[in-house]
N, C-alpha and C. Protein backbone atom coordinates (compact mmCIF):
# COMPACT_ATOMS: atom_id res chain seq x y z
N MET A 1 15.07 -36.88 39.31
CA MET A 1 14.83 -35.47 39.54
C MET A 1 15.62 -34.62 38.55
N ILE A 2 16.90 -34.98 38.33
CA ILE A 2 17.74 -34.23 37.39
C ILE A 2 17.19 -34.34 35.98
N LYS A 3 16.71 -35.54 35.60
CA LYS A 3 16.14 -35.73 34.26
C LYS A 3 14.87 -34.89 34.09
N GLN A 4 14.05 -34.79 35.15
CA GLN A 4 12.84 -33.98 35.08
C GLN A 4 13.18 -32.50 34.95
N ASN A 5 14.16 -32.02 35.69
CA ASN A 5 14.58 -30.61 35.60
C ASN A 5 15.15 -30.31 34.22
N ARG A 6 15.95 -31.23 33.70
CA ARG A 6 16.54 -31.04 32.37
C ARG A 6 15.44 -31.01 31.31
N ALA A 7 14.46 -31.90 31.42
CA ALA A 7 13.35 -31.94 30.47
C ALA A 7 12.51 -30.65 30.56
N LEU A 8 12.25 -30.20 31.79
CA LEU A 8 11.49 -28.97 31.99
C LEU A 8 12.26 -27.78 31.42
N PHE A 9 13.54 -27.70 31.68
CA PHE A 9 14.38 -26.63 31.16
C PHE A 9 14.35 -26.63 29.63
N LEU A 10 14.48 -27.81 29.02
CA LEU A 10 14.47 -27.93 27.57
C LEU A 10 13.12 -27.49 27.00
N LEU A 11 12.05 -27.88 27.64
CA LEU A 11 10.72 -27.50 27.20
C LEU A 11 10.53 -25.99 27.26
N ILE A 12 10.94 -25.36 28.36
CA ILE A 12 10.83 -23.91 28.51
C ILE A 12 11.71 -23.20 27.47
N PHE A 13 12.91 -23.69 27.29
CA PHE A 13 13.83 -23.11 26.31
C PHE A 13 13.23 -23.14 24.91
N LEU A 14 12.67 -24.28 24.50
CA LEU A 14 12.06 -24.42 23.18
C LEU A 14 10.85 -23.49 23.03
N ALA A 15 10.05 -23.40 24.08
CA ALA A 15 8.87 -22.54 24.02
C ALA A 15 9.28 -21.07 23.86
N LEU A 16 10.27 -20.64 24.61
CA LEU A 16 10.74 -19.25 24.49
C LEU A 16 11.37 -18.98 23.13
N THR A 17 12.09 -19.94 22.60
CA THR A 17 12.69 -19.80 21.28
C THR A 17 11.61 -19.63 20.22
N CYS A 18 10.56 -20.44 20.30
CA CYS A 18 9.47 -20.34 19.34
C CYS A 18 8.77 -18.98 19.44
N LEU A 19 8.55 -18.50 20.65
CA LEU A 19 7.93 -17.20 20.82
C LEU A 19 8.79 -16.08 20.25
N ALA A 20 10.07 -16.16 20.45
CA ALA A 20 10.97 -15.13 19.94
C ALA A 20 10.98 -15.12 18.42
N CYS A 21 10.90 -16.27 17.81
CA CYS A 21 10.91 -16.36 16.35
C CYS A 21 9.58 -15.93 15.74
N ALA A 22 8.51 -16.00 16.50
CA ALA A 22 7.19 -15.71 15.97
C ALA A 22 6.95 -14.21 15.80
N GLY A 23 7.64 -13.37 16.54
CA GLY A 23 7.44 -11.94 16.43
C GLY A 23 7.97 -11.40 15.12
N ARG A 24 7.32 -10.34 14.58
CA ARG A 24 7.75 -9.77 13.31
C ARG A 24 8.55 -8.51 13.59
N SER A 25 9.71 -8.44 13.00
CA SER A 25 10.56 -7.27 13.15
C SER A 25 9.90 -6.06 12.50
N SER A 26 10.09 -4.89 13.07
CA SER A 26 9.52 -3.68 12.49
C SER A 26 10.22 -3.31 11.18
N ARG A 27 11.29 -3.99 10.84
CA ARG A 27 12.00 -3.69 9.60
C ARG A 27 11.61 -4.62 8.46
N GLU A 28 10.80 -5.62 8.74
CA GLU A 28 10.38 -6.54 7.68
C GLU A 28 9.34 -5.86 6.80
N PRO A 29 9.34 -6.16 5.48
CA PRO A 29 8.31 -5.62 4.60
C PRO A 29 6.96 -6.25 4.92
N ALA A 30 5.91 -5.60 4.46
CA ALA A 30 4.57 -6.12 4.68
C ALA A 30 4.43 -7.51 4.06
N ALA A 31 3.73 -8.38 4.77
CA ALA A 31 3.48 -9.72 4.25
C ALA A 31 2.57 -9.62 3.04
N PRO A 32 2.83 -10.42 2.02
CA PRO A 32 1.97 -10.37 0.82
C PRO A 32 0.54 -10.73 1.17
N LEU A 33 -0.39 -10.10 0.47
CA LEU A 33 -1.80 -10.38 0.64
C LEU A 33 -2.35 -10.77 -0.73
N SER A 34 -2.77 -12.00 -0.88
CA SER A 34 -3.26 -12.47 -2.17
C SER A 34 -4.68 -12.00 -2.41
N ALA A 35 -5.14 -12.15 -3.64
CA ALA A 35 -6.50 -11.75 -3.99
C ALA A 35 -7.51 -12.50 -3.12
N ALA A 36 -7.23 -13.74 -2.79
CA ALA A 36 -8.13 -14.51 -1.95
C ALA A 36 -8.23 -13.90 -0.56
N ASP A 37 -7.18 -13.22 -0.11
CA ASP A 37 -7.16 -12.61 1.21
C ASP A 37 -7.94 -11.30 1.27
N LEU A 38 -8.40 -10.79 0.11
CA LEU A 38 -9.15 -9.54 0.12
C LEU A 38 -10.43 -9.66 0.93
N SER A 39 -10.91 -10.88 1.11
CA SER A 39 -12.14 -11.09 1.87
C SER A 39 -11.98 -10.67 3.33
N VAL A 40 -10.75 -10.59 3.83
CA VAL A 40 -10.53 -10.19 5.22
C VAL A 40 -10.52 -8.67 5.39
N LEU A 41 -10.56 -7.94 4.29
CA LEU A 41 -10.54 -6.47 4.36
C LEU A 41 -11.91 -5.93 4.71
N THR A 42 -11.93 -4.71 5.22
CA THR A 42 -13.20 -4.03 5.44
C THR A 42 -13.84 -3.77 4.08
N ASP A 43 -15.14 -3.55 4.08
CA ASP A 43 -15.84 -3.26 2.82
C ASP A 43 -15.25 -2.02 2.14
N THR A 44 -14.88 -1.02 2.93
CA THR A 44 -14.33 0.21 2.38
C THR A 44 -13.01 -0.06 1.67
N ARG A 45 -12.11 -0.78 2.30
CA ARG A 45 -10.83 -1.11 1.68
C ARG A 45 -11.03 -1.97 0.42
N ARG A 46 -11.92 -2.94 0.52
CA ARG A 46 -12.18 -3.82 -0.62
C ARG A 46 -12.73 -3.01 -1.81
N THR A 47 -13.63 -2.06 -1.53
CA THR A 47 -14.20 -1.22 -2.59
C THR A 47 -13.11 -0.39 -3.26
N ILE A 48 -12.22 0.19 -2.47
CA ILE A 48 -11.13 0.99 -3.05
C ILE A 48 -10.25 0.13 -3.94
N VAL A 49 -9.84 -1.03 -3.44
CA VAL A 49 -8.96 -1.92 -4.22
C VAL A 49 -9.67 -2.40 -5.48
N GLN A 50 -10.92 -2.83 -5.37
CA GLN A 50 -11.64 -3.33 -6.54
C GLN A 50 -11.78 -2.26 -7.61
N ASN A 51 -12.08 -1.02 -7.20
CA ASN A 51 -12.20 0.06 -8.18
C ASN A 51 -10.86 0.43 -8.79
N ALA A 52 -9.80 0.33 -8.02
CA ALA A 52 -8.46 0.57 -8.58
C ALA A 52 -8.15 -0.50 -9.62
N VAL A 53 -8.40 -1.76 -9.30
CA VAL A 53 -8.14 -2.86 -10.24
C VAL A 53 -8.98 -2.68 -11.51
N GLU A 54 -10.25 -2.31 -11.36
CA GLU A 54 -11.11 -2.10 -12.52
C GLU A 54 -10.66 -0.92 -13.37
N SER A 55 -9.87 -0.02 -12.81
CA SER A 55 -9.37 1.15 -13.55
C SER A 55 -8.14 0.85 -14.38
N ILE A 56 -7.54 -0.33 -14.19
CA ILE A 56 -6.36 -0.67 -14.99
C ILE A 56 -6.72 -0.58 -16.47
N GLY A 57 -5.87 0.09 -17.22
CA GLY A 57 -6.10 0.29 -18.65
C GLY A 57 -6.72 1.64 -18.99
N THR A 58 -7.23 2.36 -17.99
CA THR A 58 -7.79 3.69 -18.23
C THR A 58 -6.66 4.64 -18.57
N PRO A 59 -6.83 5.46 -19.60
CA PRO A 59 -5.75 6.37 -20.00
C PRO A 59 -5.43 7.43 -18.94
N TYR A 60 -4.16 7.84 -18.93
CA TYR A 60 -3.74 8.97 -18.11
C TYR A 60 -4.34 10.24 -18.71
N HIS A 61 -4.82 11.11 -17.84
CA HIS A 61 -5.27 12.43 -18.26
C HIS A 61 -4.96 13.40 -17.13
N TRP A 62 -4.12 14.39 -17.40
CA TRP A 62 -3.74 15.35 -16.37
C TRP A 62 -4.99 16.04 -15.83
N GLY A 63 -5.16 16.01 -14.52
CA GLY A 63 -6.32 16.62 -13.88
C GLY A 63 -7.55 15.72 -13.89
N GLY A 64 -7.43 14.54 -14.50
CA GLY A 64 -8.57 13.64 -14.61
C GLY A 64 -8.86 12.89 -13.32
N HIS A 65 -10.16 12.71 -13.05
CA HIS A 65 -10.54 11.97 -11.85
C HIS A 65 -11.81 11.13 -12.07
N THR A 66 -12.05 10.74 -13.32
CA THR A 66 -13.17 9.86 -13.64
C THR A 66 -12.71 8.85 -14.69
N PRO A 67 -13.34 7.66 -14.72
CA PRO A 67 -12.95 6.67 -15.73
C PRO A 67 -13.21 7.17 -17.16
N GLY A 68 -14.26 7.95 -17.35
CA GLY A 68 -14.58 8.44 -18.68
C GLY A 68 -13.59 9.45 -19.22
N ARG A 69 -13.05 10.25 -18.34
CA ARG A 69 -12.11 11.30 -18.75
C ARG A 69 -10.67 10.80 -18.65
N GLY A 70 -10.43 9.86 -17.76
CA GLY A 70 -9.07 9.38 -17.50
C GLY A 70 -8.62 9.88 -16.13
N PHE A 71 -7.46 9.40 -15.72
CA PHE A 71 -6.96 9.72 -14.38
C PHE A 71 -5.53 10.23 -14.42
N ASP A 72 -5.23 11.20 -13.55
CA ASP A 72 -3.85 11.40 -13.16
C ASP A 72 -3.69 10.62 -11.85
N CYS A 73 -2.50 10.59 -11.28
CA CYS A 73 -2.28 9.69 -10.14
C CYS A 73 -3.15 10.04 -8.94
N SER A 74 -3.25 11.31 -8.60
CA SER A 74 -4.07 11.70 -7.45
C SER A 74 -5.56 11.61 -7.76
N GLY A 75 -5.91 11.76 -9.04
CA GLY A 75 -7.30 11.63 -9.45
C GLY A 75 -7.81 10.21 -9.28
N LEU A 76 -6.94 9.22 -9.51
CA LEU A 76 -7.31 7.82 -9.30
C LEU A 76 -7.60 7.58 -7.82
N VAL A 77 -6.77 8.13 -6.95
CA VAL A 77 -6.98 8.02 -5.50
C VAL A 77 -8.28 8.72 -5.11
N PHE A 78 -8.48 9.92 -5.62
CA PHE A 78 -9.68 10.70 -5.33
C PHE A 78 -10.93 9.91 -5.73
N TYR A 79 -10.93 9.34 -6.93
CA TYR A 79 -12.07 8.59 -7.45
C TYR A 79 -12.35 7.32 -6.64
N THR A 80 -11.34 6.50 -6.41
CA THR A 80 -11.57 5.23 -5.72
C THR A 80 -12.05 5.44 -4.29
N HIS A 81 -11.54 6.47 -3.64
CA HIS A 81 -11.97 6.77 -2.27
C HIS A 81 -13.38 7.36 -2.27
N LYS A 82 -13.70 8.20 -3.25
CA LYS A 82 -15.04 8.79 -3.34
C LYS A 82 -16.09 7.70 -3.51
N ILE A 83 -15.82 6.72 -4.36
CA ILE A 83 -16.75 5.61 -4.58
C ILE A 83 -16.98 4.86 -3.26
N ALA A 84 -15.95 4.80 -2.44
CA ALA A 84 -16.03 4.09 -1.14
C ALA A 84 -16.59 4.99 -0.03
N GLY A 85 -16.94 6.24 -0.37
CA GLY A 85 -17.51 7.14 0.62
C GLY A 85 -16.50 7.87 1.47
N ILE A 86 -15.25 7.92 1.02
CA ILE A 86 -14.18 8.59 1.76
C ILE A 86 -13.74 9.83 0.99
N GLN A 87 -13.75 10.96 1.65
CA GLN A 87 -13.31 12.20 1.01
C GLN A 87 -11.82 12.37 1.25
N VAL A 88 -11.07 12.55 0.16
CA VAL A 88 -9.63 12.81 0.26
C VAL A 88 -9.32 14.08 -0.53
N PRO A 89 -8.23 14.74 -0.21
CA PRO A 89 -7.83 15.91 -1.00
C PRO A 89 -7.59 15.52 -2.46
N ARG A 90 -7.69 16.48 -3.34
CA ARG A 90 -7.55 16.20 -4.77
C ARG A 90 -6.09 16.08 -5.23
N THR A 91 -5.18 16.79 -4.59
CA THR A 91 -3.80 16.78 -5.07
C THR A 91 -2.91 15.83 -4.28
N THR A 92 -1.88 15.34 -4.93
CA THR A 92 -0.95 14.42 -4.30
C THR A 92 -0.28 15.06 -3.08
N ARG A 93 0.14 16.29 -3.21
CA ARG A 93 0.82 16.96 -2.11
C ARG A 93 -0.08 17.02 -0.87
N HIS A 94 -1.36 17.36 -1.05
CA HIS A 94 -2.28 17.43 0.08
C HIS A 94 -2.64 16.05 0.60
N GLN A 95 -2.72 15.06 -0.28
CA GLN A 95 -2.96 13.69 0.18
C GLN A 95 -1.81 13.23 1.08
N PHE A 96 -0.59 13.54 0.68
CA PHE A 96 0.58 13.16 1.47
C PHE A 96 0.59 13.88 2.82
N LYS A 97 0.29 15.17 2.81
CA LYS A 97 0.32 15.97 4.04
C LYS A 97 -0.80 15.60 5.02
N GLN A 98 -1.98 15.29 4.50
CA GLN A 98 -3.15 15.11 5.36
C GLN A 98 -3.43 13.66 5.75
N GLY A 99 -2.87 12.70 5.03
CA GLY A 99 -3.12 11.31 5.36
C GLY A 99 -2.40 10.87 6.63
N LYS A 100 -2.91 9.82 7.24
CA LYS A 100 -2.29 9.25 8.44
C LYS A 100 -1.05 8.46 8.00
N LYS A 101 0.09 8.74 8.64
CA LYS A 101 1.36 8.10 8.30
C LYS A 101 1.30 6.60 8.62
N ILE A 102 1.74 5.78 7.67
CA ILE A 102 1.74 4.32 7.82
C ILE A 102 3.15 3.79 7.55
N PRO A 103 3.75 3.04 8.48
CA PRO A 103 5.06 2.44 8.19
C PRO A 103 4.92 1.40 7.07
N ARG A 104 5.94 1.29 6.26
CA ARG A 104 5.87 0.39 5.10
C ARG A 104 5.56 -1.05 5.52
N TYR A 105 6.08 -1.49 6.64
CA TYR A 105 5.85 -2.88 7.06
C TYR A 105 4.42 -3.12 7.52
N GLN A 106 3.63 -2.04 7.67
CA GLN A 106 2.23 -2.18 8.09
C GLN A 106 1.24 -1.88 6.96
N LEU A 107 1.72 -1.82 5.72
CA LEU A 107 0.83 -1.53 4.60
C LEU A 107 -0.29 -2.56 4.51
N VAL A 108 -1.49 -2.06 4.25
CA VAL A 108 -2.67 -2.88 4.04
C VAL A 108 -3.30 -2.40 2.73
N PRO A 109 -3.88 -3.30 1.95
CA PRO A 109 -4.51 -2.86 0.71
C PRO A 109 -5.45 -1.67 0.93
N ALA A 110 -5.37 -0.71 0.03
CA ALA A 110 -6.09 0.56 0.01
C ALA A 110 -5.29 1.68 0.67
N ASP A 111 -4.16 1.38 1.32
CA ASP A 111 -3.27 2.44 1.79
C ASP A 111 -2.63 3.09 0.56
N LEU A 112 -2.15 4.30 0.73
CA LEU A 112 -1.54 5.04 -0.38
C LEU A 112 -0.02 5.01 -0.25
N VAL A 113 0.65 4.80 -1.36
CA VAL A 113 2.12 4.82 -1.38
C VAL A 113 2.57 6.01 -2.23
N PHE A 114 3.55 6.74 -1.71
CA PHE A 114 4.01 7.97 -2.35
C PHE A 114 5.47 7.87 -2.75
N PHE A 115 5.78 8.56 -3.83
CA PHE A 115 7.13 8.55 -4.39
C PHE A 115 7.53 9.96 -4.76
N LEU A 116 8.81 10.26 -4.51
CA LEU A 116 9.35 11.53 -4.96
C LEU A 116 9.59 11.45 -6.46
N ILE A 117 9.42 12.57 -7.13
CA ILE A 117 9.73 12.63 -8.56
C ILE A 117 11.14 13.20 -8.67
N PRO A 118 12.07 12.45 -9.28
CA PRO A 118 13.45 12.92 -9.37
C PRO A 118 13.54 14.33 -9.98
N ASP A 119 14.44 15.11 -9.46
CA ASP A 119 14.70 16.48 -9.90
C ASP A 119 13.60 17.47 -9.56
N LYS A 120 12.60 17.04 -8.82
CA LYS A 120 11.53 17.94 -8.36
C LYS A 120 11.37 17.70 -6.87
N LYS A 121 11.93 18.57 -6.08
CA LYS A 121 12.03 18.35 -4.64
C LYS A 121 10.70 18.21 -3.91
N THR A 122 9.66 18.90 -4.37
CA THR A 122 8.40 18.86 -3.63
C THR A 122 7.29 18.11 -4.38
N ALA A 123 7.60 17.52 -5.52
CA ALA A 123 6.59 16.82 -6.30
C ALA A 123 6.49 15.36 -5.88
N PHE A 124 5.27 14.86 -5.86
CA PHE A 124 5.01 13.48 -5.46
C PHE A 124 4.22 12.74 -6.54
N HIS A 125 4.35 11.43 -6.50
CA HIS A 125 3.51 10.53 -7.29
C HIS A 125 2.85 9.61 -6.28
N VAL A 126 1.62 9.17 -6.53
CA VAL A 126 0.90 8.33 -5.59
C VAL A 126 0.28 7.13 -6.29
N GLY A 127 0.20 6.02 -5.54
CA GLY A 127 -0.48 4.83 -6.00
C GLY A 127 -1.26 4.21 -4.85
N ILE A 128 -2.09 3.24 -5.19
CA ILE A 128 -2.93 2.56 -4.20
C ILE A 128 -2.37 1.17 -3.98
N TYR A 129 -1.94 0.89 -2.76
CA TYR A 129 -1.38 -0.41 -2.43
C TYR A 129 -2.49 -1.46 -2.52
N VAL A 130 -2.18 -2.61 -3.19
CA VAL A 130 -3.20 -3.66 -3.37
C VAL A 130 -2.77 -5.01 -2.81
N GLY A 131 -1.66 -5.05 -2.10
CA GLY A 131 -1.18 -6.31 -1.53
C GLY A 131 -0.09 -6.91 -2.39
N GLU A 132 0.56 -7.94 -1.86
CA GLU A 132 1.64 -8.65 -2.56
C GLU A 132 2.73 -7.70 -3.04
N ASN A 133 2.97 -6.63 -2.26
CA ASN A 133 4.00 -5.64 -2.55
C ASN A 133 3.76 -4.89 -3.86
N GLN A 134 2.50 -4.80 -4.26
CA GLN A 134 2.13 -4.14 -5.51
C GLN A 134 1.18 -2.98 -5.27
N PHE A 135 1.16 -2.06 -6.24
CA PHE A 135 0.26 -0.92 -6.16
C PHE A 135 -0.24 -0.59 -7.56
N ILE A 136 -1.36 0.11 -7.60
CA ILE A 136 -1.96 0.54 -8.87
C ILE A 136 -1.86 2.05 -8.94
N HIS A 137 -1.47 2.54 -10.12
CA HIS A 137 -1.28 3.99 -10.28
C HIS A 137 -1.44 4.39 -11.73
N SER A 138 -1.58 5.68 -11.95
CA SER A 138 -1.64 6.26 -13.28
C SER A 138 -0.30 6.95 -13.52
N PRO A 139 0.59 6.30 -14.29
CA PRO A 139 1.99 6.73 -14.33
C PRO A 139 2.33 8.02 -15.06
N GLY A 140 1.55 8.42 -16.04
CA GLY A 140 1.90 9.67 -16.70
C GLY A 140 1.41 9.75 -18.13
N ARG A 141 1.68 10.89 -18.74
CA ARG A 141 1.22 11.20 -20.09
C ARG A 141 1.55 10.08 -21.07
N GLY A 142 0.55 9.71 -21.87
CA GLY A 142 0.73 8.69 -22.89
C GLY A 142 0.64 7.27 -22.36
N LYS A 143 0.37 7.11 -21.07
CA LYS A 143 0.30 5.78 -20.48
C LYS A 143 -1.09 5.53 -19.91
N GLN A 144 -1.27 4.32 -19.37
CA GLN A 144 -2.55 3.93 -18.79
C GLN A 144 -2.35 3.50 -17.34
N VAL A 145 -3.43 3.43 -16.59
CA VAL A 145 -3.38 2.94 -15.22
C VAL A 145 -2.82 1.52 -15.24
N ILE A 146 -1.83 1.26 -14.39
CA ILE A 146 -1.16 -0.04 -14.37
C ILE A 146 -0.92 -0.49 -12.93
N ARG A 147 -0.53 -1.75 -12.82
CA ARG A 147 -0.09 -2.33 -11.54
C ARG A 147 1.43 -2.38 -11.59
N SER A 148 2.08 -1.92 -10.52
CA SER A 148 3.55 -1.94 -10.44
C SER A 148 3.96 -2.56 -9.12
N HIS A 149 5.26 -2.85 -9.02
CA HIS A 149 5.81 -3.52 -7.84
C HIS A 149 6.67 -2.55 -7.04
N LEU A 150 6.49 -2.55 -5.73
CA LEU A 150 7.29 -1.66 -4.87
C LEU A 150 8.78 -1.97 -4.92
N ASP A 151 9.14 -3.19 -5.32
CA ASP A 151 10.55 -3.55 -5.40
C ASP A 151 11.19 -3.16 -6.73
N ASN A 152 10.44 -2.57 -7.63
CA ASN A 152 11.00 -2.02 -8.86
C ASN A 152 12.08 -1.01 -8.44
N PRO A 153 13.28 -1.08 -9.00
CA PRO A 153 14.37 -0.19 -8.55
C PRO A 153 13.99 1.30 -8.54
N TYR A 154 13.24 1.75 -9.53
CA TYR A 154 12.83 3.16 -9.57
C TYR A 154 11.97 3.51 -8.37
N PHE A 155 10.96 2.69 -8.10
CA PHE A 155 10.06 2.99 -6.99
C PHE A 155 10.73 2.77 -5.64
N LYS A 156 11.60 1.80 -5.56
CA LYS A 156 12.33 1.54 -4.32
C LYS A 156 13.20 2.76 -3.96
N LYS A 157 13.88 3.30 -4.96
CA LYS A 157 14.78 4.44 -4.75
C LYS A 157 14.01 5.72 -4.38
N ASN A 158 12.82 5.89 -4.95
CA ASN A 158 12.09 7.14 -4.78
C ASN A 158 10.92 7.06 -3.79
N TYR A 159 10.82 5.95 -3.07
CA TYR A 159 9.73 5.77 -2.09
C TYR A 159 9.80 6.87 -1.04
N ALA A 160 8.68 7.57 -0.83
CA ALA A 160 8.64 8.68 0.12
C ALA A 160 7.83 8.37 1.37
N GLY A 161 7.01 7.34 1.33
CA GLY A 161 6.21 6.98 2.50
C GLY A 161 4.82 6.53 2.13
N ALA A 162 4.06 6.15 3.13
CA ALA A 162 2.69 5.69 2.92
C ALA A 162 1.75 6.46 3.84
N ARG A 163 0.52 6.59 3.39
CA ARG A 163 -0.51 7.29 4.15
C ARG A 163 -1.83 6.53 4.00
N SER A 164 -2.76 6.86 4.89
CA SER A 164 -4.10 6.27 4.80
C SER A 164 -5.13 7.29 5.24
N PHE A 165 -6.31 7.19 4.66
CA PHE A 165 -7.45 8.00 5.07
C PHE A 165 -8.53 7.12 5.70
N LEU A 166 -8.15 5.89 6.02
CA LEU A 166 -9.11 4.94 6.60
C LEU A 166 -8.82 4.68 8.06
């Protein structure tokens, strides 16, 4: 009887330990999502991510929101969402204000990531999260649309939050 109780206790203890370890802390970063995992996304999210990826190499153009003219950061968001049938505000400030707030640990590809611009208290920069802790954005004058990493010290320091229109 004692051996059975001890075995039952051990079994329950192990089961509870496994359950406790299986939960994800709200402070953990989002789990990486590989390109192969894009198939689990909704068609809308997949369309936004695919169009962002296809825009890599497009020149920066202030006020631009088409591949032919070029993109500024909010114009890239405006374009990729429009192709997917989602209307978003044209400016970064309005995108940040009007989007649904998303905790960093819950980022899903096609969510928007925002960054403060140093020395400009109300200015924002925006990119499109694509998984694996990376995002695509149009960084600025003289540059092209690129993929960057959220763990880059500059972006880590200036991260302002995430939003979604989906």
